[in-house]
N, C-alpha and C. Protein backbone atom coordinates (compact mmCIF):
# COMPACT_ATOMS: atom_id res chain seq x y z
N MET A 1 1.29 -79.60 -12.07
CA MET A 1 1.32 -79.06 -11.41
C MET A 1 1.90 -77.28 -10.97
N SER A 2 2.21 -77.06 -10.25
CA SER A 2 1.69 -75.20 -9.80
C SER A 2 2.78 -75.33 -8.89
N LYS A 3 2.99 -74.26 -8.69
CA LYS A 3 4.12 -74.20 -7.61
C LYS A 3 3.58 -73.68 -6.61
N PRO A 4 5.05 -73.90 -5.61
CA PRO A 4 4.65 -74.27 -4.28
C PRO A 4 4.45 -71.91 -3.94
N VAL A 5 3.46 -71.75 -2.94
CA VAL A 5 3.00 -71.02 -1.97
C VAL A 5 3.47 -70.94 -1.15
N LEU A 6 3.91 -69.98 -0.06
CA LEU A 6 4.62 -69.28 0.95
C LEU A 6 3.73 -68.31 1.41
N PHE A 7 3.30 -68.32 2.52
CA PHE A 7 2.39 -67.59 3.05
C PHE A 7 3.03 -66.95 3.55
N ASP A 8 2.85 -65.47 5.04
CA ASP A 8 3.86 -65.24 5.71
C ASP A 8 2.65 -64.62 6.28
N PHE A 9 2.31 -64.81 7.77
CA PHE A 9 1.55 -64.72 8.77
C PHE A 9 1.84 -63.02 9.24
N PHE A 10 1.87 -61.88 9.29
CA PHE A 10 2.77 -61.28 9.96
C PHE A 10 1.12 -59.99 10.78
N ALA A 11 2.00 -59.61 11.69
CA ALA A 11 1.35 -58.34 12.30
C ALA A 11 1.99 -56.68 12.21
N THR A 12 2.34 -55.29 11.58
CA THR A 12 1.87 -54.86 11.81
C THR A 12 2.96 -54.24 13.11
N TRP A 13 2.17 -54.43 14.46
CA TRP A 13 2.85 -54.40 15.50
C TRP A 13 4.32 -55.25 16.11
N CYS A 14 4.38 -56.04 15.01
CA CYS A 14 5.16 -57.18 15.61
C CYS A 14 6.68 -57.49 15.69
N GLY A 15 7.55 -56.80 16.12
CA GLY A 15 9.38 -56.89 16.35
C GLY A 15 9.71 -57.90 15.14
N PRO A 16 9.38 -60.02 15.62
CA PRO A 16 9.89 -60.94 15.05
C PRO A 16 9.92 -60.47 13.70
N CYS A 17 8.37 -60.50 13.17
CA CYS A 17 8.09 -60.07 11.82
C CYS A 17 8.74 -59.23 11.26
N ARG A 18 8.86 -58.93 11.97
CA ARG A 18 10.17 -57.24 11.17
C ARG A 18 11.20 -58.09 10.26
N MET A 19 11.64 -59.04 11.54
CA MET A 19 13.40 -59.40 11.19
C MET A 19 12.70 -60.76 10.37
N GLN A 20 11.70 -60.77 9.64
CA GLN A 20 11.36 -61.93 8.93
C GLN A 20 11.51 -61.62 7.79
N THR A 21 10.93 -60.34 7.50
CA THR A 21 11.07 -59.84 6.31
C THR A 21 12.26 -59.55 5.03
N PRO A 22 13.60 -59.54 6.08
CA PRO A 22 14.44 -59.56 4.81
C PRO A 22 15.19 -60.71 4.42
N ILE A 23 14.54 -61.69 5.33
CA ILE A 23 15.07 -63.40 4.47
C ILE A 23 13.87 -63.74 3.23
N LEU A 24 12.34 -62.71 3.95
CA LEU A 24 12.13 -63.32 2.76
C LEU A 24 12.26 -62.40 1.37
N GLU A 25 12.84 -61.17 1.48
CA GLU A 25 13.31 -60.67 0.49
C GLU A 25 14.29 -61.16 0.16
N GLU A 26 14.60 -61.49 0.55
CA GLU A 26 16.15 -62.37 -0.31
C GLU A 26 15.42 -63.93 -0.87
N LEU A 27 14.74 -64.62 -0.16
CA LEU A 27 14.68 -65.47 -0.59
C LEU A 27 13.66 -65.27 -1.62
N ALA A 28 12.90 -64.43 -2.00
CA ALA A 28 12.63 -63.80 -3.46
C ALA A 28 13.79 -63.74 -4.54
N LYS A 29 14.47 -62.98 -4.07
CA LYS A 29 15.48 -63.07 -5.15
C LYS A 29 16.47 -64.23 -5.67
N LYS A 30 16.25 -65.23 -5.18
CA LYS A 30 17.40 -66.63 -5.13
C LYS A 30 16.17 -66.77 -5.02
N MET A 31 14.95 -67.36 -5.24
CA MET A 31 14.57 -67.76 -5.81
C MET A 31 13.68 -67.18 -7.67
N GLY A 32 13.08 -66.56 -7.42
CA GLY A 32 12.63 -65.98 -8.49
C GLY A 32 11.00 -66.61 -7.74
N ASP A 33 10.36 -66.32 -9.39
CA ASP A 33 9.33 -66.88 -9.40
C ASP A 33 8.79 -68.59 -9.78
N LYS A 34 9.25 -68.94 -9.33
CA LYS A 34 10.12 -70.25 -8.91
C LYS A 34 8.63 -70.38 -7.69
N VAL A 35 8.54 -69.28 -6.68
CA VAL A 35 7.55 -69.14 -5.62
C VAL A 35 6.46 -68.27 -5.27
N ASP A 36 5.76 -68.18 -5.02
CA ASP A 36 4.66 -67.13 -4.80
C ASP A 36 4.69 -67.19 -2.76
N ILE A 37 5.22 -66.06 -3.21
CA ILE A 37 5.89 -65.02 -1.50
C ILE A 37 3.82 -64.17 -1.85
N LYS A 38 3.58 -64.88 -0.56
CA LYS A 38 2.86 -63.67 0.03
C LYS A 38 1.99 -63.49 1.55
N LYS A 39 2.24 -61.87 1.05
CA LYS A 39 2.83 -61.31 3.12
C LYS A 39 0.82 -61.25 3.15
N VAL A 40 0.63 -61.90 4.72
CA VAL A 40 -0.94 -61.41 5.14
C VAL A 40 -1.40 -61.27 6.28
N ASP A 41 -1.50 -59.76 6.69
CA ASP A 41 -1.51 -59.22 7.81
C ASP A 41 -3.05 -59.81 8.57
N ILE A 42 -2.42 -60.16 9.40
CA ILE A 42 -3.48 -60.40 9.85
C ILE A 42 -4.65 -60.08 11.04
N ASP A 43 -4.10 -59.08 11.56
CA ASP A 43 -5.14 -58.31 11.43
C ASP A 43 -6.37 -57.34 10.40
N GLN A 44 -5.98 -58.01 9.22
CA GLN A 44 -6.92 -57.47 8.44
C GLN A 44 -7.15 -58.54 7.31
N ASN A 45 -6.88 -60.05 8.00
CA ASN A 45 -7.61 -60.35 7.22
C ASN A 45 -8.47 -61.86 8.01
N MET A 46 -7.89 -61.48 9.22
CA MET A 46 -8.65 -63.24 10.18
C MET A 46 -8.93 -63.86 9.92
N ASP A 47 -10.10 -63.36 8.85
CA ASP A 47 -10.75 -64.75 8.17
C ASP A 47 -9.37 -65.61 8.08
N LEU A 48 -8.74 -65.70 7.01
CA LEU A 48 -7.87 -66.35 6.22
C LEU A 48 -6.74 -66.94 7.71
N ALA A 49 -6.43 -66.65 8.51
CA ALA A 49 -4.93 -66.99 9.48
C ALA A 49 -6.63 -67.48 10.16
N GLU A 50 -8.16 -67.27 10.91
CA GLU A 50 -8.60 -68.22 10.98
C GLU A 50 -8.26 -69.83 10.44
N LYS A 51 -8.60 -69.90 9.21
CA LYS A 51 -8.75 -70.59 8.24
C LYS A 51 -6.98 -71.88 8.68
N TYR A 52 -6.13 -71.27 8.99
CA TYR A 52 -4.39 -72.04 8.59
C TYR A 52 -4.15 -72.27 10.29
N GLY A 53 -5.74 -71.31 11.20
CA GLY A 53 -5.06 -72.10 12.37
C GLY A 53 -3.91 -71.28 12.95
N ILE A 54 -3.65 -69.80 12.52
CA ILE A 54 -2.07 -68.80 13.25
C ILE A 54 -2.84 -68.63 14.63
N ARG A 55 -1.73 -68.80 14.96
CA ARG A 55 -2.12 -68.00 16.75
C ARG A 55 -0.94 -68.00 16.78
N VAL A 56 0.08 -67.53 16.32
CA VAL A 56 1.67 -67.07 16.27
C VAL A 56 1.55 -66.44 15.64
N VAL A 57 2.55 -64.64 15.36
CA VAL A 57 3.35 -64.41 14.93
C VAL A 57 4.34 -63.90 14.77
N PRO A 58 5.56 -64.38 13.11
CA PRO A 58 5.60 -64.16 12.38
C PRO A 58 5.37 -66.23 12.10
N THR A 59 3.81 -66.12 11.09
CA THR A 59 3.40 -67.31 11.08
C THR A 59 4.12 -68.43 9.10
N LEU A 60 4.82 -68.77 9.24
CA LEU A 60 5.00 -68.88 7.47
C LEU A 60 4.30 -70.77 6.62
N VAL A 61 3.40 -70.56 6.85
CA VAL A 61 2.45 -71.56 5.98
C VAL A 61 3.31 -71.63 4.35
N ILE A 62 3.34 -73.11 3.61
CA ILE A 62 4.01 -72.98 2.87
C ILE A 62 3.17 -73.86 2.09
N GLU A 63 1.94 -73.88 0.97
CA GLU A 63 1.32 -74.41 0.77
C GLU A 63 1.58 -74.67 -1.62
N LYS A 64 0.79 -76.32 -1.55
CA LYS A 64 1.79 -76.65 -3.03
C LYS A 64 0.02 -77.29 -3.33
N ASP A 65 -0.35 -77.27 -4.97
CA ASP A 65 -1.12 -77.46 -5.39
C ASP A 65 -2.44 -77.92 -3.77
N GLY A 66 -2.55 -76.39 -3.24
CA GLY A 66 -3.41 -76.55 -2.41
C GLY A 66 -4.22 -77.57 -1.24
N LYS A 67 -2.52 -77.60 -1.56
CA LYS A 67 -2.01 -78.64 0.70
C LYS A 67 -1.39 -77.53 0.88
N VAL A 68 -1.43 -77.94 2.01
CA VAL A 68 -0.39 -77.44 3.53
C VAL A 68 0.49 -78.90 3.48
N VAL A 69 1.85 -77.77 3.03
CA VAL A 69 2.82 -79.08 3.33
C VAL A 69 3.86 -78.67 4.08
N GLN A 70 3.46 -77.43 5.01
CA GLN A 70 4.70 -77.65 5.78
C GLN A 70 4.63 -76.26 5.85
N SER A 71 4.27 -75.65 7.90
CA SER A 71 3.95 -74.54 8.83
C SER A 71 4.58 -74.18 10.08
N MET A 72 5.14 -73.05 10.31
CA MET A 72 6.04 -72.50 11.40
C MET A 72 6.07 -71.88 12.01
N GLU A 73 6.42 -71.31 13.41
CA GLU A 73 5.80 -70.35 13.69
C GLU A 73 7.28 -70.05 14.15
N GLY A 74 7.23 -68.95 14.37
CA GLY A 74 8.69 -67.97 14.72
C GLY A 74 9.27 -68.29 13.53
N VAL A 75 10.18 -66.67 13.50
CA VAL A 75 10.99 -66.15 12.73
C VAL A 75 11.70 -67.69 12.15
N THR A 76 12.06 -67.50 10.82
CA THR A 76 12.13 -68.74 10.08
C THR A 76 13.23 -68.51 9.30
N ASP A 77 15.12 -68.87 9.26
CA ASP A 77 16.09 -68.84 8.49
C ASP A 77 16.17 -68.32 6.84
N LEU A 78 16.56 -68.07 6.19
CA LEU A 78 16.50 -68.73 4.53
C LEU A 78 17.52 -70.77 4.26
N TYR A 79 18.19 -70.88 5.15
CA TYR A 79 18.25 -72.12 5.16
C TYR A 79 17.66 -73.19 5.25
N THR A 80 16.54 -73.07 5.79
CA THR A 80 15.61 -73.58 6.52
C THR A 80 14.52 -72.91 5.59
N LEU A 81 14.00 -72.07 5.38
CA LEU A 81 13.47 -72.36 3.48
C LEU A 81 13.32 -72.41 2.56
N GLU A 82 15.17 -72.08 1.82
CA GLU A 82 15.32 -72.78 0.91
C GLU A 82 15.14 -74.66 1.03
N LYS A 83 15.14 -75.19 1.91
CA LYS A 83 15.06 -76.58 1.92
C LYS A 83 14.28 -77.40 1.96
N LEU A 84 12.71 -76.37 1.82
CA LEU A 84 12.52 -77.40 2.71
C LEU A 84 10.85 -77.31 0.83
N LEU A 85 11.65 -75.29 -0.20
CA LEU A 85 11.02 -75.09 -1.27
C LEU A 85 11.74 -76.07 -2.00
N LYS A 86 12.96 -76.08 -1.93
CA LYS A 86 14.26 -76.86 -3.81
C LYS A 86 12.97 -77.80 -3.66
N PRO A 87 12.92 -79.02 -3.04
CA PRO A 87 12.38 -80.06 -3.94
C PRO A 87 10.57 -79.67 -4.26
N LEU A 88 10.17 -78.69 -4.08
CA LEU A 88 8.65 -78.01 -4.53
C LEU A 88 8.78 -78.20 -5.63
N VAL A 89 10.02 -77.26 -5.85
CA VAL A 89 9.80 -76.18 -7.81
C VAL A 89 10.37 -77.61 -8.25
N GLU A 90 11.60 -79.27 -8.12
CA GLU A 90 12.42 -79.28 -9.31
C GLU A 90 11.03 -80.35 -9.00
């Protein structure tokens, strides 16, 4: 089984996106290499944003084995992210 991937769809002009970044940095420290965290600038990657149906930034998408497990719009707290990802890495 592959490890889960967390896509952070953001925009440089988005204030809440800047609030999400330190939360994801803390998540990366806590979960290490058990999770791939990929930042996706929607202005630079419109095709990928369209593929995932992104309408709001920030949007976080968790994917496991090529399938979307969870999608969350708006700033998501560390506790929620850990709760969603832990079962996917155990």
